C-alpha cells in the first residue's frame, strides 16, 4: 500500500514539473520573442503611438495595422525602409478635394496643409485680381470644395475717362458695386446692368445731368421808313434812334459727361422792349425852273446891250437841291433789291470784277445781271445811293440786284424791297 502511494506521488511530481517546464519555456519563449521586437514611434494622421514589431519594412508595419495606403499619401521614411529599433514613422493620408476652375471640375488627392500649399503643389498661379474660395490660408479638409475664378482685363469708361480694370466673370451691376461706382438717377450704362462681363466688354458709364440755363438775349430793333413830303426825294432823316431790347430765356439743358446734348426752351420773359428806328424818306421832287424873255435886236455896229425899252435877256433860274442825279443819258427802272455782306455764305471776299470787298466793306457795290445792267456801270439806287455795278451772283437774274453792306445787321434791315435804279453811264 505504501509503495502504491509513493508511486502515485512520483507521477504527480513529474506532471507538475513537466507542466512547469512547459509554462516556463513558453514564458521564456514569449519573453524572448517580445524582447526581440523593435520599438517604433508612429504619427498616424496627427496621432502619435508607439508599437513593438517584428516587421521587416515600413510597408509590413502598415500591413500589420491593416492600413490601406494611397499613392498620394505622405509616408516618411519610404515604405521600403527597413525597420529598426526607435524608428520614427510619419503618415499623412491624402484628402480628397474638389477644385473648380473656369467652370471645370477636378478631383484631387492631396496632403497639402493649406489651400495655398495645394495651389503650389498643383502649380496653379493666381494674380492679385483672381478670386479663390476659401481663402489661401484655410486648412485643407476632406471633401473640401475650392473655387477659383481667373480675372481678365477689360475697359471701363466712367464720365468719359477710360481705364483698364480686371474682373472675374460677373454681371455689369455686380462689377460696378464691387468697384464702389454708384449710379445717379439719370446716368446710363452700356451694356445693360444684367449683361455678363467678358474680356471684350467695354463698360461705359455715362454721367447724365439736367441743369437750367438762363440767358439774356438782345432783340434787334427794326428800321421803319415813313414817307415825308417835306424832304427832297432820295434824302433820309432819322426821326427816332433805334434801341435794342432784351429777352430772358430759361432752358432745360441735358449734359452727358459734361457736354451739352440737348436744350429745351422752358420760358421766356421780356426784360426790355426794343425801340424801332424811324427814318423819314423824302418824296418831294424839285424840277429846274427857266424864265425866258425876248432879246433886243443888236446893231451890227454896236455891242449887243440891253436898252431901256428892250425886253430882258433870257435867264435860267438856279435848280433847287436834289439828291437824285440828273442826266440826260440816264436810264431808270424798278428792280427787286436784296442785300449781302463781304462774309456771306459762299462769298470769296472778291467781286466778279476783282474788287476786294473784304478789305473794303464800306464800298458801294451792287451785284447785277450783266444782261440788264452792264458790269462797271455807275448807278444810283433809291435808298442806297451812288454805286458801281461791280459784282454778279447766281441768284441775280433779270431785274434783281444785291446791294453790299459792311455788316449783317445792316443787310437784315435792308431786307427785300422794290426800288428804282438809274444807270448813269
Protein backbone atom coordinates (compact mmCIF):
# COMPACT_ATOMS: atom_id res chain seq x y z
CA UNK A 1 0.00 0.00 0.00
CA UNK A 2 2.79 2.33 0.86
CA UNK A 3 4.55 1.60 -2.38
CA UNK A 4 1.49 2.37 -4.38
CA UNK A 5 1.14 5.76 -2.68
CA UNK A 6 4.76 6.54 -3.34
CA UNK A 7 4.43 5.68 -6.99
CA UNK A 8 1.36 7.88 -7.33
CA UNK A 9 3.13 10.86 -5.78
CA UNK A 10 6.08 10.42 -8.10
CA UNK A 11 3.86 10.59 -11.17
CA UNK A 12 2.20 13.77 -9.96
CA UNK A 13 5.54 15.35 -9.39
CA UNK A 14 6.65 14.53 -12.87
CA UNK A 15 3.48 16.01 -14.32
CA UNK A 16 3.85 19.19 -12.29
CA UNK A 17 7.48 19.56 -13.17
CA UNK A 18 6.75 18.90 -16.81
CA UNK A 19 3.92 21.44 -16.79
CA UNK A 20 6.08 23.96 -15.02
CA UNK A 21 8.78 23.47 -17.56
CA UNK A 22 6.36 23.96 -20.41
CA UNK A 23 5.00 27.14 -18.85
CA UNK A 24 8.49 28.39 -18.15
CA UNK A 25 9.54 27.59 -21.69
CA UNK A 26 6.50 29.36 -23.06
CA UNK A 27 7.07 32.38 -20.85
CA UNK A 28 10.72 32.37 -21.70
CA UNK A 29 9.93 31.98 -25.39
CA UNK A 30 7.37 34.81 -25.27
CA UNK A 31 9.80 36.95 -23.31
CA UNK A 32 12.50 36.21 -25.82
CA UNK A 33 10.03 36.90 -28.74
CA UNK A 34 8.86 40.17 -27.29
CA UNK A 35 12.34 41.12 -26.33
CA UNK A 36 13.48 40.85 -29.91
CA UNK A 37 10.81 43.22 -31.24
CA UNK A 38 11.74 46.72 -32.47
CA UNK A 39 10.11 49.72 -30.85
CA UNK A 40 8.68 52.09 -33.50
CA UNK A 41 7.14 55.57 -32.95
CA UNK A 42 4.25 56.25 -35.32
CA UNK A 43 2.49 59.54 -36.17
CA UNK A 44 -0.65 58.47 -37.96
CA UNK A 45 -2.73 61.37 -39.35
CA UNK A 46 -1.63 63.56 -36.46
CA UNK A 47 -2.00 60.90 -33.74
CA UNK A 48 1.12 59.59 -32.05
CA UNK A 49 1.51 55.99 -30.88
CA UNK A 50 4.30 53.53 -30.14
CA UNK A 51 4.37 49.91 -31.18
CA UNK A 52 6.72 46.91 -30.99
CA UNK A 53 7.04 44.87 -34.13
CA UNK A 54 9.00 42.18 -35.91
CA UNK A 55 8.03 43.74 -39.28
CA UNK A 56 10.92 43.96 -41.67
CA UNK A 57 9.81 47.06 -43.62
CA UNK A 58 7.55 50.05 -43.02
CA UNK A 59 5.14 48.58 -45.57
CA UNK A 60 4.91 45.48 -43.34
CA UNK A 61 4.01 47.67 -40.37
CA UNK A 62 1.06 49.22 -42.26
CA UNK A 63 0.02 45.72 -43.34
CA UNK A 64 0.09 44.59 -39.66
CA UNK A 65 -2.02 47.63 -38.74
CA UNK A 66 -4.39 46.88 -41.63
CA UNK A 67 -3.95 50.40 -43.04
CA UNK A 68 -4.51 50.78 -46.78
CA UNK A 69 -2.24 53.36 -48.37
CA UNK A 70 -2.80 55.54 -51.43
CA UNK A 71 -0.04 56.60 -53.75
CA UNK A 72 -0.81 60.22 -52.85
CA UNK A 73 -0.34 59.56 -49.09
CA UNK A 74 2.66 61.01 -47.35
CA UNK A 75 4.85 58.37 -45.64
CA UNK A 76 8.24 59.10 -44.17
CA UNK A 77 10.60 57.29 -44.38
CA UNK A 78 9.66 55.44 -47.54
CA UNK A 79 7.69 52.20 -47.39
CA UNK A 80 10.71 50.11 -48.34
CA UNK A 81 12.77 51.34 -45.39
CA UNK A 82 13.99 48.53 -43.06
CA UNK A 83 12.52 48.65 -39.60
CA UNK A 84 14.89 49.21 -36.74
CA UNK A 85 14.56 49.98 -33.07
CA UNK A 86 13.32 53.52 -32.21
CA UNK A 87 12.37 54.22 -35.80
CA UNK A 88 10.01 57.20 -36.25
CA UNK A 89 7.39 56.89 -38.95
CA UNK A 90 5.03 59.65 -40.13
CA UNK A 91 1.93 59.00 -42.19
CA UNK A 92 -0.43 61.64 -43.51
CA UNK A 93 -3.29 60.25 -45.55
CA UNK A 94 -4.22 62.20 -48.69
CA UNK A 95 -7.50 64.13 -48.57
CA UNK A 96 -9.96 64.36 -51.44
CA UNK A 97 -10.54 67.93 -52.66
CA UNK A 98 -12.77 69.21 -55.48
CA UNK A 99 -11.20 72.11 -57.38
CA UNK A 100 -13.38 74.14 -59.79
CA UNK A 101 -11.55 76.48 -62.17
CA UNK A 102 -13.18 78.28 -65.12
CA UNK A 103 -16.24 76.01 -64.78
CA UNK A 104 -14.06 72.87 -64.97
CA UNK A 105 -14.20 70.48 -62.01
CA UNK A 106 -11.25 68.34 -60.94
CA UNK A 107 -10.89 65.84 -58.07
CA UNK A 108 -7.51 65.98 -56.36
CA UNK A 109 -6.00 63.80 -53.60
CA UNK A 110 -3.55 65.85 -51.62
CA UNK A 111 -1.57 66.02 -48.42
CA UNK A 112 -1.20 69.79 -48.63
CA UNK A 113 -1.75 71.56 -45.32
CA UNK A 114 -3.47 74.68 -46.67
CA UNK A 115 -5.22 75.86 -49.83
CA UNK A 116 -2.11 77.87 -50.69
CA UNK A 117 0.03 74.71 -50.39
CA UNK A 118 -2.39 72.91 -52.69
CA UNK A 119 -2.09 75.66 -55.33
CA UNK A 120 1.68 75.39 -55.24
CA UNK A 121 1.50 71.58 -55.39
CA UNK A 122 -0.77 71.77 -58.46
CA UNK A 123 1.24 74.64 -59.98
CA UNK A 124 -1.79 76.91 -60.14
CA UNK A 125 -0.70 80.55 -60.26
CA UNK A 126 -3.01 83.36 -59.22
CA UNK A 127 -2.61 87.09 -59.78
CA UNK A 128 -3.81 89.78 -57.42
CA UNK A 129 -7.14 90.14 -59.26
CA UNK A 130 -8.09 86.43 -59.23
CA UNK A 131 -10.66 85.16 -56.74
CA UNK A 132 -10.47 81.96 -54.70
CA UNK A 133 -12.76 80.45 -52.08
CA UNK A 134 -11.94 79.56 -49.40
CA UNK A 135 -9.00 81.91 -48.89
CA UNK A 136 -5.43 80.56 -49.34
CA UNK A 137 -4.66 80.31 -45.60
CA UNK A 138 -7.55 77.90 -44.98
CA UNK A 139 -6.54 74.39 -43.79
CA UNK A 140 -7.30 71.51 -46.15
CA UNK A 141 -10.10 69.17 -45.08
CA UNK A 142 -11.55 66.04 -46.65
CA UNK A 143 -14.28 66.60 -49.24
CA UNK A 144 -13.36 70.32 -49.38
CA UNK A 145 -14.53 72.31 -52.40
CA UNK A 146 -12.25 75.02 -53.76
CA UNK A 147 -13.49 77.53 -56.40
CA UNK A 148 -11.03 79.55 -58.48
CA UNK A 149 -12.14 82.44 -60.71
CA UNK A 150 -9.46 83.78 -63.00
CA UNK A 151 -9.64 87.53 -63.67
CA UNK A 152 -9.28 89.15 -67.10
CA UNK A 153 -8.66 92.75 -68.18
CA UNK A 154 -11.22 94.96 -69.98
CA UNK A 155 -12.08 98.64 -70.42
CA UNK A 156 -14.12 100.79 -68.07
CA UNK A 157 -15.20 104.30 -69.07
CA UNK A 158 -16.74 106.49 -66.35
CA UNK A 159 -17.76 110.02 -67.24
CA UNK A 160 -15.61 109.92 -70.37
CA UNK A 161 -12.44 108.79 -68.55
CA UNK A 162 -11.12 105.42 -69.72
CA UNK A 163 -9.17 102.95 -67.60
CA UNK A 164 -8.16 99.28 -67.71
CA UNK A 165 -9.69 97.13 -64.97
CA UNK A 166 -9.73 93.46 -64.00
CA UNK A 167 -12.65 91.27 -63.09
CA UNK A 168 -13.86 87.71 -62.94
CA UNK A 169 -16.95 86.51 -64.77
CA UNK A 170 -19.78 88.55 -63.27
CA UNK A 171 -22.57 90.95 -64.25
CA UNK A 172 -22.09 94.63 -65.02
CA UNK A 173 -24.14 95.56 -61.94
CA UNK A 174 -22.07 93.36 -59.61
CA UNK A 175 -18.83 94.70 -61.04
CA UNK A 176 -19.85 98.34 -60.53
CA UNK A 177 -20.90 97.51 -56.97
CA UNK A 178 -17.56 95.82 -56.27
CA UNK A 179 -15.74 98.94 -57.51
CA UNK A 180 -17.90 101.29 -55.44
CA UNK A 181 -19.26 103.04 -58.55
CA UNK A 182 -22.70 104.48 -57.81
CA UNK A 183 -25.20 105.47 -60.49
CA UNK A 184 -27.25 108.64 -60.31
CA UNK A 185 -30.90 108.73 -61.32
CA UNK A 186 -30.28 109.87 -64.91
CA UNK A 187 -27.00 108.03 -65.56
CA UNK A 188 -26.84 105.45 -68.36
CA UNK A 189 -24.75 102.28 -68.51
CA UNK A 190 -23.73 100.36 -71.60
CA UNK A 191 -24.12 97.41 -71.83
CA UNK A 192 -27.18 96.62 -69.69
CA UNK A 193 -26.61 96.04 -65.96
CA UNK A 194 -27.72 92.41 -66.26
CA UNK A 195 -25.23 91.61 -69.03
CA UNK A 196 -22.25 89.37 -68.20
CA UNK A 197 -18.74 90.83 -68.28
CA UNK A 198 -16.14 89.19 -70.51
CA UNK A 199 -12.69 90.02 -71.84
CA UNK A 200 -14.05 92.03 -74.80
CA UNK A 201 -16.55 94.05 -72.76
CA UNK A 202 -16.36 97.85 -72.61
CA UNK A 203 -18.42 99.18 -69.70
CA UNK A 204 -19.41 102.78 -70.37
CA UNK A 205 -20.94 104.78 -67.51
CA UNK A 206 -22.43 107.95 -68.98
CA UNK A 207 -22.97 110.65 -66.38
CA UNK A 208 -26.20 112.49 -67.24
CA UNK A 209 -27.17 115.82 -65.71
CA UNK A 210 -30.22 118.03 -66.14
CA UNK A 211 -29.48 121.71 -65.47
CA UNK A 212 -31.21 125.03 -66.02
CA UNK A 213 -29.54 127.74 -68.08
CA UNK A 214 -30.84 131.32 -68.01
CA UNK A 215 -29.58 133.64 -70.74
CA UNK A 216 -30.42 137.17 -71.77
CA UNK A 217 -30.51 137.74 -75.49
CA UNK A 218 -30.67 141.04 -77.38
CA UNK A 219 -33.64 141.84 -79.59
CA UNK A 220 -32.72 143.86 -82.68
CA UNK A 221 -34.82 146.86 -83.49
CA UNK A 222 -36.45 147.27 -86.88
CA UNK A 223 -35.94 150.20 -89.22
CA UNK A 224 -39.28 151.74 -90.06
CA UNK A 225 -39.41 154.15 -93.02
CA UNK A 226 -42.03 156.85 -93.34
CA UNK A 227 -42.61 158.98 -96.41
CA UNK A 228 -42.04 162.70 -95.85
CA UNK A 229 -43.21 165.13 -98.50
CA UNK A 230 -41.20 167.91 -96.89
CA UNK A 231 -37.89 166.15 -97.66
CA UNK A 232 -36.34 166.09 -101.09
CA UNK A 233 -36.80 162.76 -102.79
CA UNK A 234 -33.89 160.44 -102.04
CA UNK A 235 -32.99 162.14 -98.77
CA UNK A 236 -33.39 160.35 -95.44
CA UNK A 237 -33.63 161.75 -91.96
CA UNK A 238 -33.59 159.82 -88.68
CA UNK A 239 -36.66 160.72 -86.68
CA UNK A 240 -36.08 158.28 -83.83
CA UNK A 241 -32.95 156.34 -83.00
CA UNK A 242 -33.37 152.63 -82.56
CA UNK A 243 -32.61 150.82 -79.29
CA UNK A 244 -32.16 147.10 -78.86
CA UNK A 245 -34.43 145.30 -76.45
CA UNK A 246 -33.60 142.19 -74.42
CA UNK A 247 -35.37 138.97 -73.58
CA UNK A 248 -34.60 136.47 -70.83
CA UNK A 249 -34.84 132.81 -71.81
CA UNK A 250 -34.77 129.80 -69.49
CA UNK A 251 -33.61 126.50 -70.96
CA UNK A 252 -33.58 122.92 -69.67
CA UNK A 253 -30.17 121.57 -70.67
CA UNK A 254 -29.15 117.90 -70.73
CA UNK A 255 -25.44 117.22 -70.22
CA UNK A 256 -23.73 113.90 -70.90
CA UNK A 257 -20.26 113.63 -69.40
CA UNK A 258 -20.28 117.42 -69.04
CA UNK A 259 -21.16 118.10 -72.69
CA UNK A 260 -24.47 119.57 -73.80
CA UNK A 261 -26.56 117.17 -75.90
CA UNK A 262 -29.96 118.88 -75.86
CA UNK A 263 -31.53 122.20 -74.95
CA UNK A 264 -35.25 122.85 -74.46
CA UNK A 265 -36.83 126.29 -74.00
CA UNK A 266 -38.90 126.38 -70.82
CA UNK A 267 -39.91 130.02 -70.56
CA UNK A 268 -39.04 133.49 -71.81
CA UNK A 269 -39.67 136.94 -70.35
CA UNK A 270 -39.31 140.36 -71.92
CA UNK A 271 -36.71 142.31 -69.94
CA UNK A 272 -36.53 145.44 -72.08
CA UNK A 273 -38.71 146.47 -75.02
CA UNK A 274 -36.98 147.36 -78.26
CA UNK A 275 -37.41 150.78 -79.82
CA UNK A 276 -37.61 150.79 -83.60
CA UNK A 277 -35.58 153.24 -85.62
CA UNK A 278 -37.79 155.59 -87.58
CA UNK A 279 -36.40 157.10 -90.75
CA UNK A 280 -38.19 159.74 -92.81
CA UNK A 281 -37.74 159.27 -96.56
CA UNK A 282 -38.20 162.29 -98.75
CA UNK A 283 -40.70 162.24 -101.58
CA UNK A 284 -40.51 165.89 -102.72
CA UNK A 285 -39.36 166.31 -106.33
CA UNK A 286 -37.85 169.69 -107.37
CA UNK A 287 -37.52 170.41 -111.07
CA UNK A 288 -35.35 173.10 -112.76
CA UNK A 289 -37.20 176.33 -113.47
CA UNK A 290 -36.33 178.51 -116.53
CA UNK A 291 -37.81 182.01 -117.30
CA UNK A 292 -37.49 183.09 -120.83
CA UNK A 293 -37.88 186.74 -122.32
CA UNK A 294 -37.19 188.41 -125.72
CA UNK A 295 -33.82 189.65 -126.70
CA UNK A 296 -33.44 193.16 -128.19
CA UNK A 297 -32.10 193.24 -131.69
CA UNK A 298 -28.49 194.12 -131.77
CA UNK A 299 -26.89 196.62 -134.06
CA UNK A 300 -24.07 195.44 -136.18
CA UNK A 301 -22.02 198.43 -135.31
CA UNK A 302 -22.71 198.42 -131.65
CA UNK A 303 -22.35 195.79 -128.92
CA UNK A 304 -25.41 193.89 -128.01
CA UNK A 305 -26.53 195.52 -124.86
CA UNK A 306 -29.99 195.70 -123.47
CA UNK A 307 -31.78 199.03 -123.86
CA UNK A 308 -34.30 200.60 -121.65
CA UNK A 309 -37.07 199.55 -123.93
CA UNK A 310 -35.79 196.11 -124.73
CA UNK A 311 -37.05 193.02 -123.06
CA UNK A 312 -34.79 191.44 -120.53
CA UNK A 313 -32.46 188.79 -121.76
CA UNK A 314 -33.28 185.14 -121.04
CA UNK A 315 -32.40 184.00 -117.52
CA UNK A 316 -32.12 180.49 -116.07
CA UNK A 317 -33.19 180.02 -112.51
CA UNK A 318 -30.80 178.02 -110.32
CA UNK A 319 -32.10 174.48 -109.66
CA UNK A 320 -33.21 173.59 -106.15
CA UNK A 321 -31.31 170.89 -104.18
CA UNK A 322 -31.99 167.30 -105.19
CA UNK A 323 -30.34 164.06 -104.04
CA UNK A 324 -31.30 162.30 -107.23
CA UNK A 325 -28.89 162.52 -110.15
CA UNK A 326 -29.84 164.43 -113.25
CA UNK A 327 -28.56 163.07 -116.51
CA UNK A 328 -29.87 163.28 -120.00
CA UNK A 329 -28.35 159.84 -120.66
CA UNK A 330 -29.71 158.05 -117.54
CA UNK A 331 -31.91 155.01 -117.82
CA UNK A 332 -34.17 154.20 -114.92
CA UNK A 333 -36.45 151.34 -113.99
CA UNK A 334 -37.58 149.37 -110.92
CA UNK A 335 -35.76 146.33 -109.58
CA UNK A 336 -36.09 143.93 -106.63
CA UNK A 337 -33.20 144.62 -104.25
CA UNK A 338 -31.76 142.33 -101.59
CA UNK A 339 -28.57 142.79 -99.56
CA UNK A 340 -25.35 140.89 -98.88
CA UNK A 341 -22.08 141.28 -96.93
CA UNK A 342 -18.41 140.57 -97.72
CA UNK A 343 -18.55 137.46 -95.48
CA UNK A 344 -21.76 135.92 -96.74
CA UNK A 345 -22.01 132.14 -97.22
CA UNK A 346 -20.26 131.20 -100.47
CA UNK A 347 -18.61 134.61 -100.81
CA UNK A 348 -14.87 134.72 -101.55
CA UNK A 349 -14.31 138.29 -100.40
CA UNK A 350 -13.78 139.43 -104.01
CA UNK A 351 -16.36 140.65 -106.53
CA UNK A 352 -16.73 139.32 -110.04
CA UNK A 353 -14.74 142.33 -111.23
CA UNK A 354 -11.90 141.66 -108.77
CA UNK A 355 -12.72 144.23 -106.07
CA UNK A 356 -11.57 143.17 -102.56
CA UNK A 357 -14.75 143.91 -100.60
CA UNK A 358 -13.48 142.05 -97.53
CA UNK A 359 -10.75 144.66 -97.17
CA UNK A 360 -13.11 147.47 -98.27
CA UNK A 361 -16.53 146.60 -96.82
CA UNK A 362 -17.82 150.19 -96.98
CA UNK A 363 -17.63 150.42 -100.78
CA UNK A 364 -20.93 150.98 -102.56
CA UNK A 365 -21.16 147.91 -104.78
CA UNK A 366 -24.16 146.16 -106.25
CA UNK A 367 -24.41 142.73 -107.84
CA UNK A 368 -26.31 142.73 -111.15
CA UNK A 369 -27.36 140.65 -114.10
CA UNK A 370 -24.91 141.92 -116.76
CA UNK A 371 -27.52 141.43 -119.49
CA UNK A 372 -29.67 144.06 -117.77
CA UNK A 373 -27.08 146.33 -116.12
CA UNK A 374 -23.58 146.21 -117.66
CA UNK A 375 -20.74 145.50 -115.26
CA UNK A 376 -18.79 148.62 -114.38
CA UNK A 377 -21.81 150.89 -114.76
CA UNK A 378 -22.23 153.78 -112.38
CA UNK A 379 -25.73 153.67 -110.93
CA UNK A 380 -27.93 155.36 -108.43
CA UNK A 381 -30.10 153.13 -106.22
CA UNK A 382 -33.07 154.58 -104.39
CA UNK A 383 -32.43 154.47 -100.63
CA UNK A 384 -28.84 153.25 -101.14
CA UNK A 385 -27.14 155.98 -103.15
CA UNK A 386 -24.43 156.03 -105.81
CA UNK A 387 -22.81 152.69 -106.51
CA UNK A 388 -20.85 150.64 -109.02
CA UNK A 389 -22.28 147.58 -110.75
CA UNK A 390 -19.23 145.51 -109.82
CA UNK A 391 -20.48 142.03 -108.89
CA UNK A 392 -22.69 139.19 -110.08
CA UNK A 393 -24.47 136.31 -108.38
CA UNK A 394 -26.08 133.00 -109.27
CA UNK A 395 -29.43 134.20 -107.91
CA UNK A 396 -29.21 137.64 -109.56
CA UNK A 397 -31.25 137.26 -112.73
CA UNK A 398 -33.21 139.84 -114.66
CA UNK A 399 -34.44 142.90 -112.81
CA UNK A 400 -32.88 141.99 -109.46
CA UNK A 401 -29.86 143.43 -107.67
CA UNK A 402 -27.92 142.71 -104.46
CA UNK A 403 -26.58 145.74 -102.57
CA UNK A 404 -23.41 145.48 -100.43
CA UNK A 405 -23.43 146.37 -96.73
CA UNK A 406 -20.46 146.06 -94.34
CA UNK A 407 -22.44 144.31 -91.55
CA UNK A 408 -25.03 141.59 -91.38
CA UNK A 409 -27.37 143.71 -89.25
CA UNK A 410 -27.48 146.41 -91.94
CA UNK A 411 -28.16 143.79 -94.59
CA UNK A 412 -31.02 142.38 -92.47
CA UNK A 413 -32.51 145.83 -92.01
CA UNK A 414 -32.44 146.39 -95.77
CA UNK A 415 -34.33 143.16 -96.28
CA UNK A 416 -36.01 142.71 -99.67
CA UNK A 417 -37.68 145.64 -101.34
CA UNK A 418 -38.59 147.13 -104.70
CA UNK A 419 -36.56 150.25 -105.55
CA UNK A 420 -35.88 152.47 -108.53
CA UNK A 421 -32.44 152.35 -110.11
CA UNK A 422 -30.82 154.72 -112.59
CA UNK A 423 -27.96 153.72 -114.87
CA UNK A 424 -25.83 156.82 -115.20
CA UNK A 425 -23.36 155.62 -117.82
